[in-house]
Structure formats: C-alpha cells, structure tokens
Amino acid sequence: MIADHIRTLSFAIADGIQPGNTDRNYVLRRILRAARCDTGGRWVFHEPFFYKLVDVLAKTMGDVFPEISREAEAGGGCDSGGGGGV
C-alpha cells in the first residue's frame, strides 16, 4: 500500500503538482494523508520517511520515466521534513 502511494505522489510531483487545498492539489494532499492512515495503526511513524523511498523509486522506474530521476535529484519540490511524520 505504501509503495502505491509513493509511486502516485512521486509521479504527480514530478508532473508539477503540489499538495494543496484545491482541485488536483487537494487530491494529492488526500493521497498523502491516506498513505499515513492506510497502515491501520500497525506502524508508528516517529520521523518522516517517504522522502527516503523516492530514491528507490527513481532507481526502479528512472529508466522508463526519466523525470522521476530528475526530480529526485532536484528534491522534487517537497519539504522532506514535513508530512506529519510520513
């Protein structure tokens, strides 16, 4: 489940979408929130970790989707310290 959310978030951010309060930005924000909630309380997050998985995704999908690799190197435009521990 987490891998699906990371993939969706990474591709959307690589396409220039940022989490926000309106339209597709809000959808992305909800996906980010759902990624944290979909663990059903089995995982407890003490520090942000989603950003750590982006490099794995870039290595896996970077040949097919070079924009993922470019955005991962550039930081993708998201604050790695945010996300409420996700």
N, C-alpha and C. Protein backbone atom coordinates (compact mmCIF):
# COMPACT_ATOMS: atom_id res chain seq x y z
N MET A 1 0.83 -1.19 0.00
CA MET A 1 0.00 0.00 0.00
C MET A 1 0.87 1.26 0.00
N ILE A 2 1.89 1.29 0.84
CA ILE A 2 2.77 2.46 0.91
C ILE A 2 3.45 2.67 -0.44
N ALA A 3 3.87 1.59 -1.09
CA ALA A 3 4.55 1.71 -2.38
C ALA A 3 3.64 2.35 -3.42
N ASP A 4 2.36 1.99 -3.42
CA ASP A 4 1.41 2.60 -4.35
C ASP A 4 1.27 4.09 -4.11
N HIS A 5 1.21 4.48 -2.85
CA HIS A 5 1.09 5.90 -2.53
C HIS A 5 2.36 6.66 -2.91
N ILE A 6 3.52 6.08 -2.64
CA ILE A 6 4.78 6.73 -3.00
C ILE A 6 4.86 6.93 -4.51
N ARG A 7 4.48 5.90 -5.25
CA ARG A 7 4.50 6.00 -6.72
C ARG A 7 3.59 7.11 -7.20
N THR A 8 2.37 7.13 -6.71
CA THR A 8 1.41 8.15 -7.12
C THR A 8 1.90 9.55 -6.78
N LEU A 9 2.35 9.73 -5.55
CA LEU A 9 2.83 11.04 -5.11
C LEU A 9 4.05 11.48 -5.92
N SER A 10 4.98 10.58 -6.14
CA SER A 10 6.21 10.94 -6.86
C SER A 10 5.94 11.32 -8.30
N PHE A 11 5.09 10.55 -8.98
CA PHE A 11 4.78 10.89 -10.37
C PHE A 11 4.02 12.20 -10.47
N ALA A 12 3.09 12.43 -9.55
CA ALA A 12 2.33 13.68 -9.58
C ALA A 12 3.24 14.88 -9.30
N ILE A 13 4.12 14.75 -8.33
CA ILE A 13 5.03 15.85 -8.01
C ILE A 13 6.00 16.10 -9.15
N ALA A 14 6.46 15.02 -9.80
CA ALA A 14 7.34 15.17 -10.97
C ALA A 14 6.62 15.89 -12.11
N ASP A 15 5.29 15.77 -12.16
CA ASP A 15 4.50 16.47 -13.17
C ASP A 15 4.15 17.90 -12.74
N GLY A 16 4.64 18.31 -11.58
CA GLY A 16 4.44 19.70 -11.16
C GLY A 16 3.29 19.94 -10.21
N ILE A 17 2.64 18.89 -9.75
CA ILE A 17 1.52 19.04 -8.82
C ILE A 17 2.07 19.04 -7.40
N GLN A 18 1.59 19.95 -6.59
CA GLN A 18 1.99 20.02 -5.18
C GLN A 18 0.75 19.82 -4.31
N PRO A 19 0.90 19.18 -3.15
CA PRO A 19 -0.26 19.07 -2.26
C PRO A 19 -0.80 20.45 -1.91
N GLY A 20 -2.12 20.59 -1.89
CA GLY A 20 -2.72 21.88 -1.60
C GLY A 20 -4.17 21.75 -1.21
N ASN A 21 -4.90 22.85 -1.36
CA ASN A 21 -6.29 22.90 -0.90
C ASN A 21 -7.33 22.87 -2.01
N THR A 22 -6.93 22.87 -3.27
CA THR A 22 -7.91 22.94 -4.35
C THR A 22 -7.61 21.91 -5.43
N ASP A 23 -8.65 21.44 -6.06
CA ASP A 23 -8.60 20.57 -7.24
C ASP A 23 -7.63 19.41 -7.08
N ARG A 24 -6.78 19.21 -8.08
CA ARG A 24 -5.87 18.07 -8.07
C ARG A 24 -4.84 18.18 -6.94
N ASN A 25 -4.55 19.40 -6.51
CA ASN A 25 -3.64 19.58 -5.39
C ASN A 25 -4.23 18.97 -4.12
N TYR A 26 -5.54 19.13 -3.97
CA TYR A 26 -6.22 18.56 -2.80
C TYR A 26 -6.24 17.04 -2.87
N VAL A 27 -6.42 16.50 -4.08
CA VAL A 27 -6.40 15.04 -4.25
C VAL A 27 -5.04 14.49 -3.83
N LEU A 28 -3.99 15.17 -4.22
CA LEU A 28 -2.64 14.75 -3.85
C LEU A 28 -2.45 14.83 -2.33
N ARG A 29 -2.98 15.86 -1.74
CA ARG A 29 -2.91 16.00 -0.28
C ARG A 29 -3.64 14.86 0.41
N ARG A 30 -4.79 14.47 -0.12
CA ARG A 30 -5.56 13.36 0.46
C ARG A 30 -4.81 12.04 0.32
N ILE A 31 -4.13 11.85 -0.81
CA ILE A 31 -3.34 10.62 -1.01
C ILE A 31 -2.22 10.58 0.02
N LEU A 32 -1.58 11.70 0.25
CA LEU A 32 -0.52 11.77 1.25
C LEU A 32 -1.05 11.42 2.63
N ARG A 33 -2.21 11.96 2.95
CA ARG A 33 -2.83 11.67 4.24
C ARG A 33 -3.24 10.19 4.34
N ALA A 34 -3.80 9.68 3.26
CA ALA A 34 -4.24 8.28 3.24
C ALA A 34 -3.06 7.33 3.40
N ALA A 35 -1.93 7.71 2.84
CA ALA A 35 -0.74 6.86 2.96
C ALA A 35 -0.38 6.65 4.43
N ARG A 36 -0.58 7.66 5.21
CA ARG A 36 -0.28 7.54 6.64
C ARG A 36 -1.36 6.74 7.36
N CYS A 37 -2.59 6.91 6.97
CA CYS A 37 -3.70 6.27 7.67
C CYS A 37 -3.93 4.82 7.23
N ASP A 38 -3.53 4.47 6.02
CA ASP A 38 -3.82 3.14 5.49
C ASP A 38 -3.06 2.02 6.16
N THR A 39 -2.15 2.32 7.04
CA THR A 39 -1.44 1.25 7.73
C THR A 39 -2.28 0.66 8.85
N GLY A 40 -3.43 1.25 9.13
CA GLY A 40 -4.34 0.72 10.13
C GLY A 40 -3.78 0.73 11.53
N GLY A 41 -2.85 1.65 11.79
CA GLY A 41 -2.27 1.75 13.11
C GLY A 41 -1.17 0.74 13.39
N ARG A 42 -0.84 -0.09 12.38
CA ARG A 42 0.20 -1.10 12.58
C ARG A 42 1.58 -0.49 12.67
N TRP A 43 1.77 0.65 12.01
CA TRP A 43 3.07 1.31 12.01
C TRP A 43 2.96 2.61 12.77
N VAL A 44 3.96 2.90 13.52
CA VAL A 44 4.04 4.17 14.22
C VAL A 44 5.21 4.94 13.61
N PHE A 45 4.93 6.13 13.14
CA PHE A 45 5.95 6.94 12.48
C PHE A 45 6.53 7.93 13.47
N HIS A 46 7.82 7.84 13.69
CA HIS A 46 8.48 8.76 14.60
C HIS A 46 9.24 9.84 13.86
N GLU A 47 9.42 9.65 12.57
CA GLU A 47 10.12 10.64 11.75
C GLU A 47 9.65 10.48 10.31
N PRO A 48 9.79 11.52 9.51
CA PRO A 48 9.41 11.42 8.10
C PRO A 48 10.25 10.35 7.40
N PHE A 49 9.62 9.58 6.52
CA PHE A 49 10.39 8.58 5.79
C PHE A 49 10.02 8.46 4.32
N PHE A 50 8.89 9.02 3.89
CA PHE A 50 8.50 8.90 2.48
C PHE A 50 9.61 9.38 1.56
N TYR A 51 10.23 10.48 1.90
CA TYR A 51 11.25 11.03 1.02
C TYR A 51 12.42 10.07 0.85
N LYS A 52 12.64 9.19 1.80
CA LYS A 52 13.72 8.21 1.70
C LYS A 52 13.42 7.15 0.65
N LEU A 53 12.15 6.92 0.37
CA LEU A 53 11.75 5.90 -0.59
C LEU A 53 11.78 6.40 -2.03
N VAL A 54 11.87 7.70 -2.22
CA VAL A 54 11.87 8.26 -3.58
C VAL A 54 13.10 7.81 -4.36
N ASP A 55 14.24 7.71 -3.71
CA ASP A 55 15.44 7.24 -4.41
C ASP A 55 15.28 5.81 -4.91
N VAL A 56 14.63 4.99 -4.12
CA VAL A 56 14.37 3.60 -4.53
C VAL A 56 13.46 3.60 -5.76
N LEU A 57 12.43 4.42 -5.73
CA LEU A 57 11.52 4.53 -6.87
C LEU A 57 12.25 5.05 -8.10
N ALA A 58 13.11 6.05 -7.92
CA ALA A 58 13.86 6.61 -9.05
C ALA A 58 14.78 5.56 -9.68
N LYS A 59 15.41 4.74 -8.85
CA LYS A 59 16.28 3.69 -9.38
C LYS A 59 15.48 2.63 -10.11
N THR A 60 14.30 2.32 -9.60
CA THR A 60 13.46 1.28 -10.18
C THR A 60 12.78 1.75 -11.47
N MET A 61 12.24 2.96 -11.46
CA MET A 61 11.43 3.45 -12.58
C MET A 61 12.14 4.50 -13.44
N GLY A 62 13.34 4.91 -13.03
CA GLY A 62 14.03 6.00 -13.71
C GLY A 62 14.33 5.78 -15.17
N ASP A 63 14.58 4.53 -15.58
CA ASP A 63 14.85 4.25 -16.99
C ASP A 63 13.63 4.50 -17.86
N VAL A 64 12.47 4.16 -17.34
CA VAL A 64 11.23 4.32 -18.09
C VAL A 64 10.68 5.73 -17.96
N PHE A 65 10.83 6.33 -16.78
CA PHE A 65 10.32 7.66 -16.51
C PHE A 65 11.47 8.54 -16.01
N PRO A 66 12.27 9.10 -16.93
CA PRO A 66 13.44 9.88 -16.52
C PRO A 66 13.10 11.11 -15.69
N GLU A 67 11.86 11.62 -15.80
CA GLU A 67 11.50 12.79 -14.99
C GLU A 67 11.52 12.47 -13.50
N ILE A 68 11.26 11.21 -13.15
CA ILE A 68 11.32 10.82 -11.74
C ILE A 68 12.75 10.95 -11.23
N SER A 69 13.71 10.49 -12.02
CA SER A 69 15.12 10.60 -11.62
C SER A 69 15.55 12.06 -11.51
N ARG A 70 15.13 12.87 -12.47
CA ARG A 70 15.49 14.30 -12.45
C ARG A 70 14.92 14.98 -11.21
N GLU A 71 13.65 14.72 -10.92
CA GLU A 71 13.01 15.36 -9.78
C GLU A 71 13.57 14.84 -8.45
N ALA A 72 13.94 13.56 -8.41
CA ALA A 72 14.52 13.01 -7.18
C ALA A 72 15.87 13.69 -6.90
N GLU A 73 16.64 13.91 -7.94
CA GLU A 73 17.93 14.59 -7.76
C GLU A 73 17.74 16.04 -7.35
N ALA A 74 16.68 16.67 -7.86
CA ALA A 74 16.42 18.07 -7.56
C ALA A 74 15.67 18.25 -6.24
N GLY A 75 15.22 17.17 -5.65
CA GLY A 75 14.47 17.26 -4.40
C GLY A 75 12.98 17.25 -4.59
N GLY A 76 12.49 17.31 -5.81
CA GLY A 76 11.08 17.19 -6.10
C GLY A 76 10.20 18.33 -5.64
N GLY A 77 10.76 19.32 -4.99
CA GLY A 77 9.97 20.48 -4.61
C GLY A 77 9.17 20.31 -3.32
N CYS A 78 9.31 19.18 -2.63
CA CYS A 78 8.60 18.99 -1.37
C CYS A 78 9.59 19.03 -0.23
N ASP A 79 9.13 19.53 0.87
CA ASP A 79 9.96 19.61 2.07
C ASP A 79 10.05 18.21 2.68
N SER A 80 11.26 17.69 2.78
CA SER A 80 11.43 16.35 3.31
C SER A 80 11.13 16.27 4.79
N GLY A 81 11.05 17.40 5.44
CA GLY A 81 10.78 17.38 6.87
C GLY A 81 9.32 17.48 7.22
N GLY A 82 8.45 17.64 6.25
CA GLY A 82 7.02 17.82 6.54
C GLY A 82 6.26 16.53 6.46
N GLY A 83 4.96 16.64 6.44
CA GLY A 83 4.12 15.47 6.25
C GLY A 83 3.65 14.81 7.52
N GLY A 84 3.86 15.44 8.65
CA GLY A 84 3.34 14.89 9.89
C GLY A 84 3.90 13.53 10.24
N GLY A 85 5.18 13.33 9.90
CA GLY A 85 5.80 12.08 10.26
C GLY A 85 5.72 11.02 9.18
N VAL A 86 5.27 11.40 8.01
CA VAL A 86 5.17 10.43 6.92
C VAL A 86 6.28 10.65 5.94
